[in-house]
Protein backbone atom coordinates (compact mmCIF):
# COMPACT_ATOMS: atom_id res chain seq x y z
CA UNK A 1 0.00 0.00 0.00
CA UNK A 2 2.81 2.40 0.87
CA UNK A 3 4.58 1.86 -2.47
CA UNK A 4 1.36 2.52 -4.37
CA UNK A 5 1.03 5.80 -2.51
CA UNK A 6 4.57 6.84 -3.43
CA UNK A 7 4.00 6.03 -7.07
CA UNK A 8 0.82 8.04 -7.07
CA UNK A 9 2.51 10.99 -5.41
CA UNK A 10 5.46 10.79 -7.83
CA UNK A 11 3.01 10.92 -10.76
CA UNK A 12 1.19 13.81 -9.06
CA UNK A 13 4.42 15.81 -8.62
CA UNK A 14 5.41 15.09 -12.22
CA UNK A 15 2.09 16.49 -13.41
CA UNK A 16 2.49 19.46 -11.08
CA UNK A 17 5.91 20.25 -12.62
CA UNK A 18 4.38 20.09 -16.10
CA UNK A 19 1.56 22.43 -15.11
CA UNK A 20 4.08 24.90 -13.65
CA UNK A 21 5.94 24.92 -16.97
CA UNK A 22 2.64 25.70 -18.70
CA UNK A 23 1.87 28.48 -16.22
CA UNK A 24 5.33 29.98 -16.63
CA UNK A 25 4.86 30.00 -20.40
CA UNK A 26 1.81 32.29 -20.04
CA UNK A 27 2.24 35.99 -20.85
CA UNK A 28 3.86 38.03 -18.12
CA UNK A 29 0.94 40.39 -17.74
CA UNK A 30 -1.33 37.75 -16.19
CA UNK A 31 1.28 36.89 -13.56
CA UNK A 32 1.97 40.50 -12.61
CA UNK A 33 -0.04 42.36 -9.98
CA UNK A 34 0.34 46.09 -10.55
CA UNK A 35 -0.72 48.74 -8.06
CA UNK A 36 -0.32 52.49 -7.95
CA UNK A 37 -0.28 54.33 -4.67
CA UNK A 38 -0.87 58.05 -5.05
CA UNK A 39 0.71 60.78 -3.01
CA UNK A 40 -1.37 62.21 -0.19
CA UNK A 41 -4.15 64.48 -1.41
CA UNK A 42 -5.89 67.16 0.60
CA UNK A 43 -8.56 69.15 -1.14
CA UNK A 44 -8.90 72.73 0.08
CA UNK A 45 -12.24 74.54 0.30
CA UNK A 46 -11.22 76.73 -2.62
CA UNK A 47 -10.23 73.73 -4.80
CA UNK A 48 -13.50 72.00 -3.88
CA UNK A 49 -15.46 75.13 -4.83
CA UNK A 50 -13.62 75.53 -8.15
CA UNK A 51 -14.12 71.85 -8.98
CA UNK A 52 -17.85 71.98 -8.27
CA UNK A 53 -18.26 75.21 -10.24
CA UNK A 54 -16.22 73.81 -13.15
CA UNK A 55 -18.45 70.75 -13.32
CA UNK A 56 -21.56 72.94 -13.30
CA UNK A 57 -20.21 75.23 -16.02
CA UNK A 58 -19.11 72.29 -18.14
CA UNK A 59 -22.68 70.93 -18.06
CA UNK A 60 -24.69 74.17 -18.04
CA UNK A 61 -22.57 76.81 -19.79
CA UNK A 62 -25.33 77.28 -22.37
CA UNK A 63 -27.88 78.12 -19.64
CA UNK A 64 -25.68 80.85 -18.15
CA UNK A 65 -25.07 82.38 -21.59
CA UNK A 66 -28.77 82.19 -22.44
CA UNK A 67 -29.75 83.89 -19.14
CA UNK A 68 -27.15 86.64 -19.62
CA UNK A 69 -28.28 87.22 -23.23
CA UNK A 70 -31.88 87.55 -22.03
CA UNK A 71 -30.70 90.02 -19.40
CA UNK A 72 -28.94 92.08 -22.06
CA UNK A 73 -32.01 91.89 -24.32
CA UNK A 74 -34.37 93.03 -21.56
CA UNK A 75 -31.96 95.78 -20.49
CA UNK A 76 -31.59 97.14 -24.02
CA UNK A 77 -35.30 97.45 -24.77
CA UNK A 78 -36.69 100.97 -24.64
CA UNK A 79 -39.89 100.32 -22.73
CA UNK A 80 -39.13 99.82 -19.05
CA UNK A 81 -41.87 98.49 -16.81
CA UNK A 82 -41.67 96.77 -13.45
CA UNK A 83 -41.94 93.27 -15.00
CA UNK A 84 -39.02 93.86 -17.38
CA UNK A 85 -36.97 95.44 -14.60
CA UNK A 86 -37.56 92.41 -12.38
CA UNK A 87 -36.51 89.97 -15.13
CA UNK A 88 -33.50 92.09 -16.07
CA UNK A 89 -32.30 92.05 -12.47
CA UNK A 90 -33.07 88.32 -12.15
CA UNK A 91 -31.18 87.43 -15.35
CA UNK A 92 -28.08 89.27 -14.16
CA UNK A 93 -28.30 87.94 -10.59
CA UNK A 94 -28.91 84.30 -11.53
CA UNK A 95 -25.24 83.48 -12.34
CA UNK A 96 -24.16 85.27 -9.16
CA UNK A 97 -26.66 83.23 -7.12
CA UNK A 98 -25.32 79.99 -8.63
CA UNK A 99 -21.75 80.92 -7.73
CA UNK A 100 -22.85 81.89 -4.20
CA UNK A 101 -24.72 78.57 -3.65
CA UNK A 102 -21.68 76.53 -4.75
CA UNK A 103 -19.39 78.65 -2.57
CA UNK A 104 -21.77 78.16 0.38
CA UNK A 105 -21.85 74.38 -0.21
CA UNK A 106 -18.06 74.12 -0.51
CA UNK A 107 -17.54 76.07 2.71
CA UNK A 108 -20.18 74.22 4.73
CA UNK A 109 -19.13 72.54 8.00
CA UNK A 110 -21.04 69.43 6.89
CA UNK A 111 -18.55 68.72 4.09
CA UNK A 112 -15.51 67.98 6.27
CA UNK A 113 -15.17 64.50 4.77
CA UNK A 114 -14.37 65.98 1.34
CA UNK A 115 -11.50 67.96 2.82
CA UNK A 116 -9.81 65.11 4.71
CA UNK A 117 -6.34 64.08 3.61
CA UNK A 118 -6.39 60.86 1.60
CA UNK A 119 -4.44 58.67 -0.76
CA UNK A 120 -5.50 56.03 -3.24
CA UNK A 121 -4.30 52.53 -4.03
CA UNK A 122 -5.25 51.78 -7.62
CA UNK A 123 -5.23 48.36 -9.26
CA UNK A 124 -6.70 47.24 -12.58
CA UNK A 125 -10.06 46.39 -11.04
CA UNK A 126 -10.48 48.64 -7.98
CA UNK A 127 -9.61 51.91 -6.31
CA UNK A 128 -9.10 51.92 -2.55
CA UNK A 129 -9.35 55.28 -0.80
CA UNK A 130 -7.56 55.65 2.55
CA UNK A 131 -8.70 58.69 4.54
CA UNK A 132 -6.65 60.27 7.31
CA UNK A 133 -9.32 59.41 9.90
CA UNK A 134 -8.79 55.70 9.23
CA UNK A 135 -11.76 55.20 6.93
CA UNK A 136 -11.12 52.93 3.96
CA UNK A 137 -13.42 52.70 0.94
CA UNK A 138 -13.00 50.19 -1.85
CA UNK A 139 -14.65 50.85 -5.20
CA UNK A 140 -14.64 48.45 -8.13
CA UNK A 141 -13.78 50.15 -11.42
CA UNK A 142 -16.92 48.69 -13.01
CA UNK A 143 -19.04 50.84 -10.66
CA UNK A 144 -17.84 54.10 -12.20
CA UNK A 145 -20.39 55.44 -14.65
CA UNK A 146 -18.68 58.51 -16.04
CA UNK A 147 -15.40 60.39 -16.09
CA UNK A 148 -14.47 64.03 -16.53
CA UNK A 149 -10.89 65.06 -17.17
CA UNK A 150 -9.83 68.58 -16.33
CA UNK A 151 -6.44 70.17 -16.89
CA UNK A 152 -5.28 69.29 -13.36
CA UNK A 153 -7.56 66.46 -12.21
CA UNK A 154 -9.82 63.51 -12.93
CA UNK A 155 -13.35 63.11 -11.62
CA UNK A 156 -14.61 59.53 -11.61
CA UNK A 157 -18.38 59.41 -11.09
CA UNK A 158 -20.19 56.70 -9.12
CA UNK A 159 -23.55 58.41 -9.72
CA UNK A 160 -24.77 61.71 -11.13
CA UNK A 161 -23.59 63.62 -8.07
CA UNK A 162 -21.03 61.40 -6.32
CA UNK A 163 -17.48 61.38 -7.61
CA UNK A 164 -13.90 60.53 -6.71
CA UNK A 165 -11.43 63.41 -7.15
CA UNK A 166 -7.91 62.43 -8.24
CA UNK A 167 -5.48 65.28 -9.06
CA UNK A 168 -3.01 64.61 -11.84
CA UNK A 169 -0.09 65.70 -9.67
CA UNK A 170 -0.91 62.97 -7.12
CA UNK A 171 0.77 60.37 -9.34
CA UNK A 172 4.42 59.80 -8.51
CA UNK A 173 5.55 59.86 -12.15
CA UNK A 174 4.26 60.09 -15.72
CA UNK A 175 4.35 56.30 -16.18
CA UNK A 176 1.88 55.81 -13.34
CA UNK A 177 -0.48 58.42 -14.80
CA UNK A 178 -0.25 56.78 -18.23
CA UNK A 179 -0.98 53.38 -16.67
CA UNK A 180 -3.98 54.94 -14.90
CA UNK A 181 -5.29 56.37 -18.18
CA UNK A 182 -4.85 53.08 -20.05
CA UNK A 183 -6.19 50.73 -17.39
CA UNK A 184 -8.77 52.76 -15.46
CA UNK A 185 -9.90 55.79 -17.47
CA UNK A 186 -10.25 53.79 -20.69
CA UNK A 187 -12.69 51.39 -18.97
CA UNK A 188 -15.08 54.18 -17.96
CA UNK A 189 -17.55 55.59 -20.50
C-alpha atoms as a PDB file:
ATOM      1  CA  UNK A   1       0.000   0.000   0.000  1.00  0.00           C
ATOM      2  CA  UNK A   2       2.812   2.403   0.869  1.00  0.00           C
ATOM      3  CA  UNK A   3       4.585   1.865  -2.469  1.00  0.00           C
ATOM      4  CA  UNK A   4       1.361   2.517  -4.373  1.00  0.00           C
ATOM      5  CA  UNK A   5       1.027   5.802  -2.508  1.00  0.00           C
ATOM      6  CA  UNK A   6       4.570   6.838  -3.428  1.00  0.00           C
ATOM      7  CA  UNK A   7       4.000   6.031  -7.068  1.00  0.00           C
ATOM      8  CA  UNK A   8       0.819   8.044  -7.072  1.00  0.00           C
ATOM      9  CA  UNK A   9       2.507  10.994  -5.407  1.00  0.00           C
ATOM     10  CA  UNK A  10       5.456  10.790  -7.833  1.00  0.00           C
ATOM     11  CA  UNK A  11       3.007  10.923 -10.757  1.00  0.00           C
ATOM     12  CA  UNK A  12       1.192  13.809  -9.064  1.00  0.00           C
ATOM     13  CA  UNK A  13       4.421  15.807  -8.618  1.00  0.00           C
ATOM     14  CA  UNK A  14       5.406  15.089 -12.218  1.00  0.00           C
ATOM     15  CA  UNK A  15       2.087  16.493 -13.406  1.00  0.00           C
ATOM     16  CA  UNK A  16       2.490  19.458 -11.075  1.00  0.00           C
ATOM     17  CA  UNK A  17       5.910  20.254 -12.617  1.00  0.00           C
ATOM     18  CA  UNK A  18       4.382  20.093 -16.103  1.00  0.00           C
ATOM     19  CA  UNK A  19       1.557  22.428 -15.107  1.00  0.00           C
ATOM     20  CA  UNK A  20       4.082  24.901 -13.650  1.00  0.00           C
ATOM     21  CA  UNK A  21       5.936  24.923 -16.968  1.00  0.00           C
ATOM     22  CA  UNK A  22       2.643  25.696 -18.697  1.00  0.00           C
ATOM     23  CA  UNK A  23       1.872  28.482 -16.222  1.00  0.00           C
ATOM     24  CA  UNK A  24       5.330  29.975 -16.635  1.00  0.00           C
ATOM     25  CA  UNK A  25       4.862  30.002 -20.401  1.00  0.00           C
ATOM     26  CA  UNK A  26       1.814  32.290 -20.043  1.00  0.00           C
ATOM     27  CA  UNK A  27       2.239  35.991 -20.850  1.00  0.00           C
ATOM     28  CA  UNK A  28       3.864  38.032 -18.125  1.00  0.00           C
ATOM     29  CA  UNK A  29       0.941  40.391 -17.743  1.00  0.00           C
ATOM     30  CA  UNK A  30      -1.332  37.749 -16.194  1.00  0.00           C
ATOM     31  CA  UNK A  31       1.280  36.887 -13.556  1.00  0.00           C
ATOM     32  CA  UNK A  32       1.971  40.500 -12.613  1.00  0.00           C
ATOM     33  CA  UNK A  33      -0.043  42.361  -9.984  1.00  0.00           C
ATOM     34  CA  UNK A  34       0.344  46.092 -10.549  1.00  0.00           C
ATOM     35  CA  UNK A  35      -0.723  48.741  -8.056  1.00  0.00           C
ATOM     36  CA  UNK A  36      -0.318  52.493  -7.954  1.00  0.00           C
ATOM     37  CA  UNK A  37      -0.282  54.331  -4.666  1.00  0.00           C
ATOM     38  CA  UNK A  38      -0.873  58.049  -5.054  1.00  0.00           C
ATOM     39  CA  UNK A  39       0.715  60.779  -3.010  1.00  0.00           C
ATOM     40  CA  UNK A  40      -1.372  62.208  -0.185  1.00  0.00           C
ATOM     41  CA  UNK A  41      -4.147  64.479  -1.405  1.00  0.00           C
ATOM     42  CA  UNK A  42      -5.887  67.155   0.600  1.00  0.00           C
ATOM     43  CA  UNK A  43      -8.555  69.147  -1.145  1.00  0.00           C
ATOM     44  CA  UNK A  44      -8.903  72.733   0.083  1.00  0.00           C
ATOM     45  CA  UNK A  45     -12.239  74.541   0.304  1.00  0.00           C
ATOM     46  CA  UNK A  46     -11.215  76.728  -2.623  1.00  0.00           C
ATOM     47  CA  UNK A  47     -10.231  73.727  -4.797  1.00  0.00           C
ATOM     48  CA  UNK A  48     -13.498  72.000  -3.884  1.00  0.00           C
ATOM     49  CA  UNK A  49     -15.463  75.129  -4.829  1.00  0.00           C
ATOM     50  CA  UNK A  50     -13.624  75.532  -8.151  1.00  0.00           C
ATOM     51  CA  UNK A  51     -14.121  71.845  -8.983  1.00  0.00           C
ATOM     52  CA  UNK A  52     -17.855  71.984  -8.272  1.00  0.00           C
ATOM     53  CA  UNK A  53     -18.261  75.207 -10.237  1.00  0.00           C
ATOM     54  CA  UNK A  54     -16.225  73.814 -13.151  1.00  0.00           C
ATOM     55  CA  UNK A  55     -18.454  70.746 -13.323  1.00  0.00           C
ATOM     56  CA  UNK A  56     -21.557  72.944 -13.295  1.00  0.00           C
ATOM     57  CA  UNK A  57     -20.214  75.225 -16.020  1.00  0.00           C
ATOM     58  CA  UNK A  58     -19.113  72.287 -18.141  1.00  0.00           C
ATOM     59  CA  UNK A  59     -22.679  70.933 -18.064  1.00  0.00           C
ATOM     60  CA  UNK A  60     -24.688  74.169 -18.041  1.00  0.00           C
ATOM     61  CA  UNK A  61     -22.575  76.813 -19.794  1.00  0.00           C
ATOM     62  CA  UNK A  62     -25.329  77.277 -22.369  1.00  0.00           C
ATOM     63  CA  UNK A  63     -27.877  78.123 -19.638  1.00  0.00           C
ATOM     64  CA  UNK A  64     -25.680  80.849 -18.154  1.00  0.00           C
ATOM     65  CA  UNK A  65     -25.066  82.381 -21.588  1.00  0.00           C
ATOM     66  CA  UNK A  66     -28.768  82.191 -22.435  1.00  0.00           C
ATOM     67  CA  UNK A  67     -29.751  83.886 -19.142  1.00  0.00           C
ATOM     68  CA  UNK A  68     -27.150  86.637 -19.620  1.00  0.00           C
ATOM     69  CA  UNK A  69     -28.281  87.218 -23.227  1.00  0.00           C
ATOM     70  CA  UNK A  70     -31.885  87.545 -22.032  1.00  0.00           C
ATOM     71  CA  UNK A  71     -30.698  90.016 -19.404  1.00  0.00           C
ATOM     72  CA  UNK A  72     -28.941  92.084 -22.064  1.00  0.00           C
ATOM     73  CA  UNK A  73     -32.008  91.888 -24.317  1.00  0.00           C
ATOM     74  CA  UNK A  74     -34.373  93.028 -21.558  1.00  0.00           C
ATOM     75  CA  UNK A  75     -31.962  95.780 -20.491  1.00  0.00           C
ATOM     76  CA  UNK A  76     -31.586  97.138 -24.020  1.00  0.00           C
ATOM     77  CA  UNK A  77     -35.300  97.454 -24.768  1.00  0.00           C
ATOM     78  CA  UNK A  78     -36.694 100.973 -24.635  1.00  0.00           C
ATOM     79  CA  UNK A  79     -39.889 100.315 -22.726  1.00  0.00           C
ATOM     80  CA  UNK A  80     -39.132  99.816 -19.048  1.00  0.00           C
ATOM     81  CA  UNK A  81     -41.871  98.495 -16.810  1.00  0.00           C
ATOM     82  CA  UNK A  82     -41.668  96.775 -13.450  1.00  0.00           C
ATOM     83  CA  UNK A  83     -41.940  93.270 -15.000  1.00  0.00           C
ATOM     84  CA  UNK A  84     -39.025  93.864 -17.377  1.00  0.00           C
ATOM     85  CA  UNK A  85     -36.972  95.440 -14.605  1.00  0.00           C
ATOM     86  CA  UNK A  86     -37.563  92.407 -12.384  1.00  0.00           C
ATOM     87  CA  UNK A  87     -36.513  89.972 -15.128  1.00  0.00           C
ATOM     88  CA  UNK A  88     -33.500  92.093 -16.071  1.00  0.00           C
ATOM     89  CA  UNK A  89     -32.295  92.055 -12.470  1.00  0.00           C
ATOM     90  CA  UNK A  90     -33.069  88.323 -12.146  1.00  0.00           C
ATOM     91  CA  UNK A  91     -31.178  87.428 -15.346  1.00  0.00           C
ATOM     92  CA  UNK A  92     -28.083  89.269 -14.164  1.00  0.00           C
ATOM     93  CA  UNK A  93     -28.304  87.944 -10.589  1.00  0.00           C
ATOM     94  CA  UNK A  94     -28.913  84.302 -11.529  1.00  0.00           C
ATOM     95  CA  UNK A  95     -25.237  83.485 -12.340  1.00  0.00           C
ATOM     96  CA  UNK A  96     -24.156  85.271  -9.159  1.00  0.00           C
ATOM     97  CA  UNK A  97     -26.660  83.231  -7.125  1.00  0.00           C
ATOM     98  CA  UNK A  98     -25.321  79.990  -8.633  1.00  0.00           C
ATOM     99  CA  UNK A  99     -21.749  80.916  -7.728  1.00  0.00           C
ATOM    100  CA  UNK A 100     -22.850  81.894  -4.201  1.00  0.00           C
ATOM    101  CA  UNK A 101     -24.718  78.574  -3.650  1.00  0.00           C
ATOM    102  CA  UNK A 102     -21.682  76.531  -4.751  1.00  0.00           C
ATOM    103  CA  UNK A 103     -19.389  78.651  -2.573  1.00  0.00           C
ATOM    104  CA  UNK A 104     -21.767  78.161   0.378  1.00  0.00           C
ATOM    105  CA  UNK A 105     -21.851  74.377  -0.206  1.00  0.00           C
ATOM    106  CA  UNK A 106     -18.055  74.118  -0.515  1.00  0.00           C
ATOM    107  CA  UNK A 107     -17.539  76.069   2.715  1.00  0.00           C
ATOM    108  CA  UNK A 108     -20.181  74.222   4.733  1.00  0.00           C
ATOM    109  CA  UNK A 109     -19.130  72.536   7.997  1.00  0.00           C
ATOM    110  CA  UNK A 110     -21.042  69.426   6.894  1.00  0.00           C
ATOM    111  CA  UNK A 111     -18.552  68.717   4.092  1.00  0.00           C
ATOM    112  CA  UNK A 112     -15.513  67.978   6.266  1.00  0.00           C
ATOM    113  CA  UNK A 113     -15.165  64.498   4.766  1.00  0.00           C
ATOM    114  CA  UNK A 114     -14.375  65.984   1.344  1.00  0.00           C
ATOM    115  CA  UNK A 115     -11.504  67.960   2.823  1.00  0.00           C
ATOM    116  CA  UNK A 116      -9.810  65.111   4.711  1.00  0.00           C
ATOM    117  CA  UNK A 117      -6.340  64.078   3.613  1.00  0.00           C
ATOM    118  CA  UNK A 118      -6.389  60.856   1.599  1.00  0.00           C
ATOM    119  CA  UNK A 119      -4.443  58.670  -0.764  1.00  0.00           C
ATOM    120  CA  UNK A 120      -5.503  56.025  -3.245  1.00  0.00           C
ATOM    121  CA  UNK A 121      -4.299  52.533  -4.034  1.00  0.00           C
ATOM    122  CA  UNK A 122      -5.250  51.782  -7.616  1.00  0.00           C
ATOM    123  CA  UNK A 123      -5.229  48.355  -9.265  1.00  0.00           C
ATOM    124  CA  UNK A 124      -6.702  47.238 -12.578  1.00  0.00           C
ATOM    125  CA  UNK A 125     -10.059  46.385 -11.035  1.00  0.00           C
ATOM    126  CA  UNK A 126     -10.481  48.635  -7.981  1.00  0.00           C
ATOM    127  CA  UNK A 127      -9.610  51.907  -6.309  1.00  0.00           C
ATOM    128  CA  UNK A 128      -9.100  51.919  -2.555  1.00  0.00           C
ATOM    129  CA  UNK A 129      -9.347  55.275  -0.796  1.00  0.00           C
ATOM    130  CA  UNK A 130      -7.564  55.651   2.550  1.00  0.00           C
ATOM    131  CA  UNK A 131      -8.701  58.687   4.542  1.00  0.00           C
ATOM    132  CA  UNK A 132      -6.655  60.274   7.309  1.00  0.00           C
ATOM    133  CA  UNK A 133      -9.317  59.410   9.896  1.00  0.00           C
ATOM    134  CA  UNK A 134      -8.786  55.700   9.233  1.00  0.00           C
ATOM    135  CA  UNK A 135     -11.763  55.199   6.925  1.00  0.00           C
ATOM    136  CA  UNK A 136     -11.120  52.928   3.959  1.00  0.00           C
ATOM    137  CA  UNK A 137     -13.417  52.698   0.944  1.00  0.00           C
ATOM    138  CA  UNK A 138     -12.997  50.188  -1.847  1.00  0.00           C
ATOM    139  CA  UNK A 139     -14.647  50.850  -5.205  1.00  0.00           C
ATOM    140  CA  UNK A 140     -14.637  48.451  -8.129  1.00  0.00           C
ATOM    141  CA  UNK A 141     -13.780  50.152 -11.421  1.00  0.00           C
ATOM    142  CA  UNK A 142     -16.916  48.688 -13.013  1.00  0.00           C
ATOM    143  CA  UNK A 143     -19.045  50.837 -10.659  1.00  0.00           C
ATOM    144  CA  UNK A 144     -17.835  54.101 -12.199  1.00  0.00           C
ATOM    145  CA  UNK A 145     -20.394  55.439 -14.648  1.00  0.00           C
ATOM    146  CA  UNK A 146     -18.683  58.514 -16.044  1.00  0.00           C
ATOM    147  CA  UNK A 147     -15.399  60.391 -16.086  1.00  0.00           C
ATOM    148  CA  UNK A 148     -14.467  64.027 -16.529  1.00  0.00           C
ATOM    149  CA  UNK A 149     -10.895  65.059 -17.172  1.00  0.00           C
ATOM    150  CA  UNK A 150      -9.827  68.579 -16.335  1.00  0.00           C
ATOM    151  CA  UNK A 151      -6.439  70.169 -16.890  1.00  0.00           C
ATOM    152  CA  UNK A 152      -5.284  69.290 -13.364  1.00  0.00           C
ATOM    153  CA  UNK A 153      -7.561  66.465 -12.207  1.00  0.00           C
ATOM    154  CA  UNK A 154      -9.819  63.511 -12.927  1.00  0.00           C
ATOM    155  CA  UNK A 155     -13.351  63.113 -11.617  1.00  0.00           C
ATOM    156  CA  UNK A 156     -14.614  59.529 -11.608  1.00  0.00           C
ATOM    157  CA  UNK A 157     -18.376  59.415 -11.087  1.00  0.00           C
ATOM    158  CA  UNK A 158     -20.187  56.701  -9.123  1.00  0.00           C
ATOM    159  CA  UNK A 159     -23.552  58.407  -9.723  1.00  0.00           C
ATOM    160  CA  UNK A 160     -24.767  61.705 -11.134  1.00  0.00           C
ATOM    161  CA  UNK A 161     -23.594  63.624  -8.071  1.00  0.00           C
ATOM    162  CA  UNK A 162     -21.028  61.398  -6.318  1.00  0.00           C
ATOM    163  CA  UNK A 163     -17.475  61.377  -7.608  1.00  0.00           C
ATOM    164  CA  UNK A 164     -13.899  60.533  -6.708  1.00  0.00           C
ATOM    165  CA  UNK A 165     -11.433  63.406  -7.153  1.00  0.00           C
ATOM    166  CA  UNK A 166      -7.910  62.435  -8.241  1.00  0.00           C
ATOM    167  CA  UNK A 167      -5.484  65.276  -9.058  1.00  0.00           C
ATOM    168  CA  UNK A 168      -3.008  64.606 -11.840  1.00  0.00           C
ATOM    169  CA  UNK A 169      -0.092  65.695  -9.673  1.00  0.00           C
ATOM    170  CA  UNK A 170      -0.910  62.971  -7.123  1.00  0.00           C
ATOM    171  CA  UNK A 171       0.773  60.374  -9.344  1.00  0.00           C
ATOM    172  CA  UNK A 172       4.416  59.801  -8.507  1.00  0.00           C
ATOM    173  CA  UNK A 173       5.552  59.865 -12.152  1.00  0.00           C
ATOM    174  CA  UNK A 174       4.264  60.087 -15.723  1.00  0.00           C
ATOM    175  CA  UNK A 175       4.354  56.295 -16.177  1.00  0.00           C
ATOM    176  CA  UNK A 176       1.881  55.808 -13.344  1.00  0.00           C
ATOM    177  CA  UNK A 177      -0.477  58.417 -14.797  1.00  0.00           C
ATOM    178  CA  UNK A 178      -0.250  56.778 -18.230  1.00  0.00           C
ATOM    179  CA  UNK A 179      -0.983  53.382 -16.672  1.00  0.00           C
ATOM    180  CA  UNK A 180      -3.981  54.943 -14.895  1.00  0.00           C
ATOM    181  CA  UNK A 181      -5.292  56.366 -18.181  1.00  0.00           C
ATOM    182  CA  UNK A 182      -4.854  53.083 -20.053  1.00  0.00           C
ATOM    183  CA  UNK A 183      -6.187  50.729 -17.388  1.00  0.00           C
ATOM    184  CA  UNK A 184      -8.770  52.759 -15.464  1.00  0.00           C
ATOM    185  CA  UNK A 185      -9.897  55.795 -17.465  1.00  0.00           C
ATOM    186  CA  UNK A 186     -10.246  53.793 -20.685  1.00  0.00           C
ATOM    187  CA  UNK A 187     -12.689  51.389 -18.971  1.00  0.00           C
ATOM    188  CA  UNK A 188     -15.076  54.183 -17.956  1.00  0.00           C
ATOM    189  CA  UNK A 189     -17.553  55.590 -20.500  1.00  0.00           C
END
